[in-house]
PDB file of N, CA and C in Angstrom:
ATOM      1  N   MET A   1      54.110 132.732  -3.870  1.00  0.00           N
ATOM      2  CA  MET A   1      54.603 131.729  -2.933  1.00  0.00           C
ATOM      3  C   MET A   1      55.429 130.671  -3.657  1.00  0.00           C
ATOM      4  N   LYS A   2      54.987 130.264  -4.843  1.00  0.00           N
ATOM      5  CA  LYS A   2      55.729 129.242  -5.582  1.00  0.00           C
ATOM      6  C   LYS A   2      57.087 129.761  -6.019  1.00  0.00           C
ATOM      7  N   LYS A   3      57.133 131.051  -6.365  1.00  0.00           N
ATOM      8  CA  LYS A   3      58.405 131.618  -6.804  1.00  0.00           C
ATOM      9  C   LYS A   3      59.426 131.582  -5.659  1.00  0.00           C
ATOM     10  N   LYS A   4      58.977 131.887  -4.456  1.00  0.00           N
ATOM     11  CA  LYS A   4      59.853 131.837  -3.284  1.00  0.00           C
ATOM     12  C   LYS A   4      60.308 130.396  -3.022  1.00  0.00           C
ATOM     13  N   ALA A   5      59.403 129.438  -3.209  1.00  0.00           N
ATOM     14  CA  ALA A   5      59.744 128.028  -3.010  1.00  0.00           C
ATOM     15  C   ALA A   5      60.782 127.572  -4.036  1.00  0.00           C
ATOM     16  N   VAL A   6      60.616 128.000  -5.270  1.00  0.00           N
ATOM     17  CA  VAL A   6      61.571 127.627  -6.322  1.00  0.00           C
ATOM     18  C   VAL A   6      62.952 128.186  -5.996  1.00  0.00           C
ATOM     19  N   ILE A   7      62.993 129.417  -5.518  1.00  0.00           N
ATOM     20  CA  ILE A   7      64.272 130.027  -5.154  1.00  0.00           C
ATOM     21  C   ILE A   7      64.911 129.264  -4.001  1.00  0.00           C
ATOM     22  N   MET A   8      64.112 128.900  -3.003  1.00  0.00           N
ATOM     23  CA  MET A   8      64.648 128.140  -1.864  1.00  0.00           C
ATOM     24  C   MET A   8      65.185 126.779  -2.303  1.00  0.00           C
ATOM     25  N   VAL A   9      64.466 126.104  -3.178  1.00  0.00           N
ATOM     26  CA  VAL A   9      64.898 124.791  -3.672  1.00  0.00           C
ATOM     27  C   VAL A   9      66.222 124.929  -4.428  1.00  0.00           C
ATOM     28  N   ARG A  10      66.352 125.979  -5.215  1.00  0.00           N
ATOM     29  CA  ARG A  10      67.596 126.189  -5.964  1.00  0.00           C
ATOM     30  C   ARG A  10      68.762 126.494  -5.032  1.00  0.00           C
ATOM     31  N   ILE A  11      68.511 127.284  -4.005  1.00  0.00           N
ATOM     32  CA  ILE A  11      69.564 127.593  -3.037  1.00  0.00           C
ATOM     33  C   ILE A  11      70.002 126.321  -2.310  1.00  0.00           C
ATOM     34  N   ILE A  12      69.027 125.533  -1.906  1.00  0.00           N
ATOM     35  CA  ILE A  12      69.347 124.275  -1.220  1.00  0.00           C
ATOM     36  C   ILE A  12      70.125 123.347  -2.143  1.00  0.00           C
ATOM     37  N   PHE A  13      69.740 123.299  -3.411  1.00  0.00           N
ATOM     38  CA  PHE A  13      70.461 122.458  -4.365  1.00  0.00           C
ATOM     39  C   PHE A  13      71.915 122.918  -4.503  1.00  0.00           C
ATOM     40  N   ALA A  14      72.127 124.237  -4.566  1.00  0.00           N
ATOM     41  CA  ALA A  14      73.495 124.763  -4.666  1.00  0.00           C
ATOM     42  C   ALA A  14      74.299 124.400  -3.420  1.00  0.00           C
ATOM     43  N   LEU A  15      73.671 124.493  -2.250  1.00  0.00           N
ATOM     44  CA  LEU A  15      74.358 124.106  -1.017  1.00  0.00           C
ATOM     45  C   LEU A  15      74.709 122.624  -1.019  1.00  0.00           C
ATOM     46  N   ARG A  16      73.815 121.810  -1.540  1.00  0.00           N
ATOM     47  CA  ARG A  16      74.083 120.373  -1.618  1.00  0.00           C
ATOM     48  C   ARG A  16      75.262 120.082  -2.541  1.00  0.00           C
ATOM     49  N   ILE A  17      75.352 120.805  -3.647  1.00  0.00           N
ATOM     50  CA  ILE A  17      76.485 120.632  -4.560  1.00  0.00           C
ATOM     51  C   ILE A  17      77.790 120.993  -3.849  1.00  0.00           C
ATOM     52  N   VAL A  18      77.768 122.095  -3.100  1.00  0.00           N
ATOM     53  CA  VAL A  18      78.962 122.510  -2.359  1.00  0.00           C
ATOM     54  C   VAL A  18      79.345 121.447  -1.323  1.00  0.00           C
ATOM     55  N   LEU A  19      78.361 120.897  -0.625  1.00  0.00           N
ATOM     56  CA  LEU A  19      78.653 119.864   0.372  1.00  0.00           C
ATOM     57  C   LEU A  19      79.245 118.612  -0.260  1.00  0.00           C
ATOM     58  N   TRP A  20      78.727 118.195  -1.409  1.00  0.00           N
ATOM     59  CA  TRP A  20      79.292 117.028  -2.079  1.00  0.00           C
ATOM     60  C   TRP A  20      80.704 117.322  -2.579  1.00  0.00           C
ATOM     61  N   ALA A  21      80.961 118.564  -3.004  1.00  0.00           N
ATOM     62  CA  ALA A  21      82.314 118.939  -3.426  1.00  0.00           C
ATOM     63  C   ALA A  21      83.271 118.902  -2.240  1.00  0.00           C
ATOM     64  N   VAL A  22      82.806 119.340  -1.076  1.00  0.00           N
ATOM     65  CA  VAL A  22      83.632 119.275   0.137  1.00  0.00           C
ATOM     66  C   VAL A  22      83.952 117.824   0.475  1.00  0.00           C
ATOM     67  N   ALA A  23      82.948 116.959   0.390  1.00  0.00           N
ATOM     68  CA  ALA A  23      83.171 115.535   0.676  1.00  0.00           C
ATOM     69  C   ALA A  23      84.175 114.932  -0.305  1.00  0.00           C
ATOM     70  N   LEU A  24      84.045 115.278  -1.567  1.00  0.00           N
ATOM     71  CA  LEU A  24      84.978 114.763  -2.574  1.00  0.00           C
ATOM     72  C   LEU A  24      86.386 115.291  -2.331  1.00  0.00           C
ATOM     73  N   ALA A  25      86.505 116.572  -2.049  1.00  0.00           N
ATOM     74  CA  ALA A  25      87.823 117.170  -1.802  1.00  0.00           C
ATOM     75  C   ALA A  25      88.476 116.547  -0.577  1.00  0.00           C
ATOM     76  N   SER A  26      87.708 116.311   0.449  1.00  0.00           N
ATOM     77  CA  SER A  26      88.233 115.686   1.654  1.00  0.00           C
ATOM     78  C   SER A  26      88.754 114.279   1.371  1.00  0.00           C
ATOM     79  N   THR A  27      88.014 113.534   0.596  1.00  0.00           N
ATOM     80  CA  THR A  27      88.423 112.176   0.239  1.00  0.00           C
ATOM     81  C   THR A  27      89.680 112.181  -0.631  1.00  0.00           C
ATOM     82  N   VAL A  28      89.709 113.071  -1.600  1.00  0.00           N
ATOM     83  CA  VAL A  28      90.878 113.169  -2.476  1.00  0.00           C
ATOM     84  C   VAL A  28      92.106 113.580  -1.668  1.00  0.00           C
ATOM     85  N   TYR A  29      91.902 114.448  -0.686  1.00  0.00           N
ATOM     86  CA  TYR A  29      93.036 114.905   0.125  1.00  0.00           C
ATOM     87  C   TYR A  29      93.692 113.751   0.875  1.00  0.00           C
ATOM     88  N   TRP A  30      92.912 112.908   1.565  1.00  0.00           N
ATOM     89  CA  TRP A  30      93.575 111.841   2.330  1.00  0.00           C
ATOM     90  C   TRP A  30      94.182 110.788   1.412  1.00  0.00           C
ATOM     91  N   ILE A  31      93.581 110.570   0.244  1.00  0.00           N
ATOM     92  CA  ILE A  31      94.178 109.633  -0.707  1.00  0.00           C
ATOM     93  C   ILE A  31      95.511 110.181  -1.210  1.00  0.00           C
ATOM     94  N   ARG A  32      95.531 111.469  -1.539  1.00  0.00           N
ATOM     95  CA  ARG A  32      96.763 112.103  -2.002  1.00  0.00           C
ATOM     96  C   ARG A  32      97.824 112.081  -0.906  1.00  0.00           C
ATOM     97  N   TYR A  33      97.418 112.356   0.325  1.00  0.00           N
ATOM     98  CA  TYR A  33      98.349 112.325   1.461  1.00  0.00           C
ATOM     99  C   TYR A  33      98.956 110.929   1.627  1.00  0.00           C
ATOM    100  N   SER A  34      98.156 109.916   1.400  1.00  0.00           N
ATOM    101  CA  SER A  34      98.649 108.545   1.481  1.00  0.00           C
ATOM    102  C   SER A  34      99.739 108.306   0.439  1.00  0.00           C
ATOM    103  N   PHE A  35      99.503 108.782  -0.783  1.00  0.00           N
ATOM    104  CA  PHE A  35     100.517 108.625  -1.832  1.00  0.00           C
ATOM    105  C   PHE A  35     101.782 109.419  -1.516  1.00  0.00           C
ATOM    106  N   VAL A  36     101.625 110.596  -0.924  1.00  0.00           N
ATOM    107  CA  VAL A  36     102.790 111.404  -0.550  1.00  0.00           C
ATOM    108  C   VAL A  36     103.639 110.668   0.475  1.00  0.00           C
ATOM    109  N   LEU A  37     102.982 110.006   1.415  1.00  0.00           N
ATOM    110  CA  LEU A  37     103.737 109.232   2.405  1.00  0.00           C
ATOM    111  C   LEU A  37     104.536 108.119   1.727  1.00  0.00           C
ATOM    112  N   TYR A  38     103.914 107.450   0.772  1.00  0.00           N
ATOM    113  CA  TYR A  38     104.633 106.394   0.045  1.00  0.00           C
ATOM    114  C   TYR A  38     105.794 106.972  -0.747  1.00  0.00           C
ATOM    115  N   GLN A  39     105.594 108.138  -1.348  1.00  0.00           N
ATOM    116  CA  GLN A  39     106.664 108.768  -2.119  1.00  0.00           C
ATOM    117  C   GLN A  39     107.834 109.174  -1.235  1.00  0.00           C
ATOM    118  N   ARG A  40     107.565 109.496   0.001  1.00  0.00           N
ATOM    119  CA  ARG A  40     108.632 109.843   0.949  1.00  0.00           C
ATOM    120  C   ARG A  40     109.363 108.603   1.455  1.00  0.00           C
ATOM    121  N   GLY A  41     108.877 107.452   1.091  1.00  0.00           N
ATOM    122  CA  GLY A  41     109.517 106.211   1.507  1.00  0.00           C
ATOM    123  C   GLY A  41     108.996 105.677   2.824  1.00  0.00           C
ATOM    124  N   ILE A  42     107.889 106.201   3.271  1.00  0.00           N
ATOM    125  CA  ILE A  42     107.296 105.732   4.521  1.00  0.00           C
ATOM    126  C   ILE A  42     106.321 104.615   4.167  1.00  0.00           C
ATOM    127  N   VAL A  43     106.775 103.384   4.311  1.00  0.00           N
ATOM    128  CA  VAL A  43     105.956 102.238   3.928  1.00  0.00           C
ATOM    129  C   VAL A  43     105.729 101.250   5.067  1.00  0.00           C
ATOM    130  N   LEU A  44     106.528 101.324   6.094  1.00  0.00           N
ATOM    131  CA  LEU A  44     106.341 100.417   7.226  1.00  0.00           C
ATOM    132  C   LEU A  44     105.087 100.809   8.000  1.00  0.00           C
ATOM    133  N   PRO A  45     104.283  99.829   8.364  1.00  0.00           N
ATOM    134  CA  PRO A  45     103.046 100.139   9.085  1.00  0.00           C
ATOM    135  C   PRO A  45     103.282 100.936  10.373  1.00  0.00           C
ATOM    136  N   GLU A  46     104.411 100.700  11.040  1.00  0.00           N
ATOM    137  CA  GLU A  46     104.704 101.403  12.283  1.00  0.00           C
ATOM    138  C   GLU A  46     104.924 102.897  12.054  1.00  0.00           C
ATOM    139  N   GLU A  47     105.412 103.261  10.871  1.00  0.00           N
ATOM    140  CA  GLU A  47     105.636 104.673  10.537  1.00  0.00           C
ATOM    141  C   GLU A  47     104.428 105.259   9.810  1.00  0.00           C
ATOM    142  N   TYR A  48     103.892 104.487   8.890  1.00  0.00           N
ATOM    143  CA  TYR A  48     102.829 104.959   8.001  1.00  0.00           C
ATOM    144  C   TYR A  48     101.520 105.222   8.747  1.00  0.00           C
ATOM    145  N   SER A  49     101.117 104.279   9.572  1.00  0.00           N
ATOM    146  CA  SER A  49      99.829 104.351  10.251  1.00  0.00           C
ATOM    147  C   SER A  49      99.688 105.566  11.174  1.00  0.00           C
ATOM    148  N   PRO A  50     100.662 105.850  12.038  1.00  0.00           N
ATOM    149  CA  PRO A  50     100.503 107.023  12.907  1.00  0.00           C
ATOM    150  C   PRO A  50     100.461 108.349  12.144  1.00  0.00           C
ATOM    151  N   LEU A  51     101.084 108.388  10.982  1.00  0.00           N
ATOM    152  CA  LEU A  51     101.067 109.616  10.200  1.00  0.00           C
ATOM    153  C   LEU A  51      99.762 109.773   9.412  1.00  0.00           C
ATOM    154  N   LEU A  52      99.230 108.677   8.917  1.00  0.00           N
ATOM    155  CA  LEU A  52      98.018 108.742   8.101  1.00  0.00           C
ATOM    156  C   LEU A  52      96.749 108.815   8.946  1.00  0.00           C
ATOM    157  N   ARG A  53      96.727 108.135  10.056  1.00  0.00           N
ATOM    158  CA  ARG A  53      95.501 107.988  10.852  1.00  0.00           C
ATOM    159  C   ARG A  53      94.824 109.323  11.196  1.00  0.00           C
ATOM    160  N   PRO A  54      95.531 110.336  11.714  1.00  0.00           N
ATOM    161  CA  PRO A  54      94.838 111.594  12.035  1.00  0.00           C
ATOM    162  C   PRO A  54      94.230 112.272  10.810  1.00  0.00           C
ATOM    163  N   VAL A  55      94.944 112.231   9.711  1.00  0.00           N
ATOM    164  CA  VAL A  55      94.446 112.842   8.484  1.00  0.00           C
ATOM    165  C   VAL A  55      93.253 112.053   7.953  1.00  0.00           C
ATOM    166  N   LEU A  56      93.368 110.748   7.949  1.00  0.00           N
ATOM    167  CA  LEU A  56      92.298 109.889   7.453  1.00  0.00           C
ATOM    168  C   LEU A  56      91.027 110.075   8.269  1.00  0.00           C
ATOM    169  N   TYR A  57      91.136 110.003   9.597  1.00  0.00           N
ATOM    170  CA  TYR A  57      89.953 110.121  10.445  1.00  0.00           C
ATOM    171  C   TYR A  57      89.287 111.485  10.284  1.00  0.00           C
ATOM    172  N   THR A  58      90.087 112.530  10.233  1.00  0.00           N
ATOM    173  CA  THR A  58      89.528 113.879  10.067  1.00  0.00           C
ATOM    174  C   THR A  58      88.821 114.019   8.729  1.00  0.00           C
ATOM    175  N   CYS A  59      89.450 113.558   7.671  1.00  0.00           N
ATOM    176  CA  CYS A  59      88.867 113.697   6.335  1.00  0.00           C
ATOM    177  C   CYS A  59      87.613 112.835   6.176  1.00  0.00           C
ATOM    178  N   VAL A  60      87.621 111.641   6.707  1.00  0.00           N
ATOM    179  CA  VAL A  60      86.437 110.784   6.623  1.00  0.00           C
ATOM    180  C   VAL A  60      85.294 111.394   7.428  1.00  0.00           C
ATOM    181  N   LEU A  61      85.599 111.965   8.575  1.00  0.00           N
ATOM    182  CA  LEU A  61      84.566 112.618   9.379  1.00  0.00           C
ATOM    183  C   LEU A  61      83.975 113.817   8.644  1.00  0.00           C
ATOM    184  N   ILE A  62      84.822 114.624   8.037  1.00  0.00           N
ATOM    185  CA  ILE A  62      84.341 115.771   7.259  1.00  0.00           C
ATOM    186  C   ILE A  62      83.449 115.301   6.117  1.00  0.00           C
ATOM    187  N   ALA A  63      83.878 114.279   5.394  1.00  0.00           N
ATOM    188  CA  ALA A  63      83.092 113.765   4.275  1.00  0.00           C
ATOM    189  C   ALA A  63      81.755 113.207   4.747  1.00  0.00           C
ATOM    190  N   ALA A  64      81.763 112.458   5.829  1.00  0.00           N
ATOM    191  CA  ALA A  64      80.521 111.865   6.341  1.00  0.00           C
ATOM    192  C   ALA A  64      79.543 112.946   6.801  1.00  0.00           C
ATOM    193  N   LEU A  65      80.043 113.959   7.484  1.00  0.00           N
ATOM    194  CA  LEU A  65      79.166 115.047   7.936  1.00  0.00           C
ATOM    195  C   LEU A  65      78.610 115.844   6.759  1.00  0.00           C
ATOM    196  N   ALA A  66      79.436 116.080   5.752  1.00  0.00           N
ATOM    197  CA  ALA A  66      78.974 116.816   4.578  1.00  0.00           C
ATOM    198  C   ALA A  66      77.882 116.029   3.846  1.00  0.00           C
ATOM    199  N   ILE A  67      78.070 114.733   3.707  1.00  0.00           N
ATOM    200  CA  ILE A  67      77.070 113.904   3.028  1.00  0.00           C
ATOM    201  C   ILE A  67      75.784 113.830   3.849  1.00  0.00           C
ATOM    202  N   ALA A  68      75.913 113.695   5.164  1.00  0.00           N
ATOM    203  CA  ALA A  68      74.726 113.658   6.021  1.00  0.00           C
ATOM    204  C   ALA A  68      73.961 114.974   5.941  1.00  0.00           C
ATOM    205  N   ALA A  69      74.674 116.085   5.952  1.00  0.00           N
ATOM    206  CA  ALA A  69      74.020 117.390   5.832  1.00  0.00           C
ATOM    207  C   ALA A  69      73.335 117.523   4.473  1.00  0.00           C
ATOM    208  N   SER A  70      73.966 116.982   3.440  1.00  0.00           N
ATOM    209  CA  SER A  70      73.364 117.034   2.109  1.00  0.00           C
ATOM    210  C   SER A  70      72.056 116.266   2.063  1.00  0.00           C
ATOM    211  N   PHE A  71      72.018 115.095   2.695  1.00  0.00           N
ATOM    212  CA  PHE A  71      70.775 114.330   2.733  1.00  0.00           C
ATOM    213  C   PHE A  71      69.709 115.043   3.566  1.00  0.00           C
ATOM    214  N   GLY A  72      70.130 115.716   4.626  1.00  0.00           N
ATOM    215  CA  GLY A  72      69.195 116.510   5.410  1.00  0.00           C
ATOM    216  C   GLY A  72      68.599 117.644   4.585  1.00  0.00           C
ATOM    217  N   LEU A  73      69.435 118.307   3.808  1.00  0.00           N
ATOM    218  CA  LEU A  73      68.939 119.370   2.932  1.00  0.00           C
ATOM    219  C   LEU A  73      68.027 118.818   1.844  1.00  0.00           C
ATOM    220  N   TYR A  74      68.306 117.608   1.396  1.00  0.00           N
ATOM    221  CA  TYR A  74      67.433 116.974   0.411  1.00  0.00           C
ATOM    222  C   TYR A  74      66.038 116.752   0.995  1.00  0.00           C
ATOM    223  N   ALA A  75      65.985 116.325   2.233  1.00  0.00           N
ATOM    224  CA  ALA A  75      64.694 116.110   2.891  1.00  0.00           C
ATOM    225  C   ALA A  75      63.930 117.432   3.020  1.00  0.00           C
ATOM    226  N   ILE A  76      64.633 118.494   3.375  1.00  0.00           N
ATOM    227  CA  ILE A  76      63.991 119.806   3.477  1.00  0.00           C
ATOM    228  C   ILE A  76      63.485 120.254   2.113  1.00  0.00           C
ATOM    229  N   SER A  77      64.297 120.065   1.095  1.00  0.00           N
ATOM    230  CA  SER A  77      63.907 120.436  -0.269  1.00  0.00           C
ATOM    231  C   SER A  77      62.687 119.650  -0.721  1.00  0.00           C
ATOM    232  N   SER A  78      62.659 118.371  -0.400  1.00  0.00           N
ATOM    233  CA  SER A  78      61.507 117.539  -0.783  1.00  0.00           C
ATOM    234  C   SER A  78      60.226 118.016  -0.103  1.00  0.00           C
ATOM    235  N   ARG A  79      60.331 118.415   1.169  1.00  0.00           N
ATOM    236  CA  ARG A  79      59.158 118.942   1.874  1.00  0.00           C
ATOM    237  C   ARG A  79      58.673 120.240   1.260  1.00  0.00           C
ATOM    238  N   ILE A  80      59.601 121.103   0.882  1.00  0.00           N
ATOM    239  CA  ILE A  80      59.221 122.369   0.245  1.00  0.00           C
ATOM    240  C   ILE A  80      58.513 122.096  -1.075  1.00  0.00           C
ATOM    241  N   LYS A  81      59.064 121.181  -1.865  1.00  0.00           N
ATOM    242  CA  LYS A  81      58.454 120.844  -3.157  1.00  0.00           C
ATOM    243  C   LYS A  81      57.056 120.250  -2.964  1.00  0.00           C
ATOM    244  N   LYS A  82      56.925 119.349  -2.019  1.00  0.00           N
ATOM    245  CA  LYS A  82      55.638 118.709  -1.780  1.00  0.00           C
ATOM    246  C   LYS A  82      54.603 119.708  -1.283  1.00  0.00           C
ATOM    247  N   LYS A  83      55.018 120.582  -0.390  1.00  0.00           N
ATOM    248  CA  LYS A  83      54.128 121.575   0.188  1.00  0.00           C
ATOM    249  C   LYS A  83      53.611 122.563  -0.861  1.00  0.00           C
ATOM    250  N   ASN A  84      54.457 122.889  -1.824  1.00  0.00           N
ATOM    251  CA  ASN A  84      54.106 123.905  -2.827  1.00  0.00           C
ATOM    252  C   ASN A  84      53.711 123.304  -4.175  1.00  0.00           C
ATOM    253  N   GLY A  85      53.611 122.009  -4.252  1.00  0.00           N
ATOM    254  CA  GLY A  85      53.179 121.363  -5.486  1.00  0.00           C
ATOM    255  C   GLY A  85      54.143 121.497  -6.643  1.00  0.00           C
ATOM    256  N   LEU A  86      55.421 121.435  -6.337  1.00  0.00           N
ATOM    257  CA  LEU A  86      56.441 121.558  -7.408  1.00  0.00           C
ATOM    258  C   LEU A  86      56.869 120.206  -7.903  1.00  0.00           C
TER     259      LEU A  86
END
């Protein structure tokens, strides 16, 4: 039983790493997109904001959901560890 619990904890940990990588990639993407807009010469708020807003909101939502899911998996992992005395 403990061996199965250890395997589950490791799988959950790997999933958590993937979720944090997704959150980081999402954040880096909107930051990079912001710089690309500046490089194109789009600096006026009237032009910049409508172009960045959809990308920003989508990426922040993806990052927030990935982090929330990671914390949920952490709670599950903690219960498995506690239940099996790990």
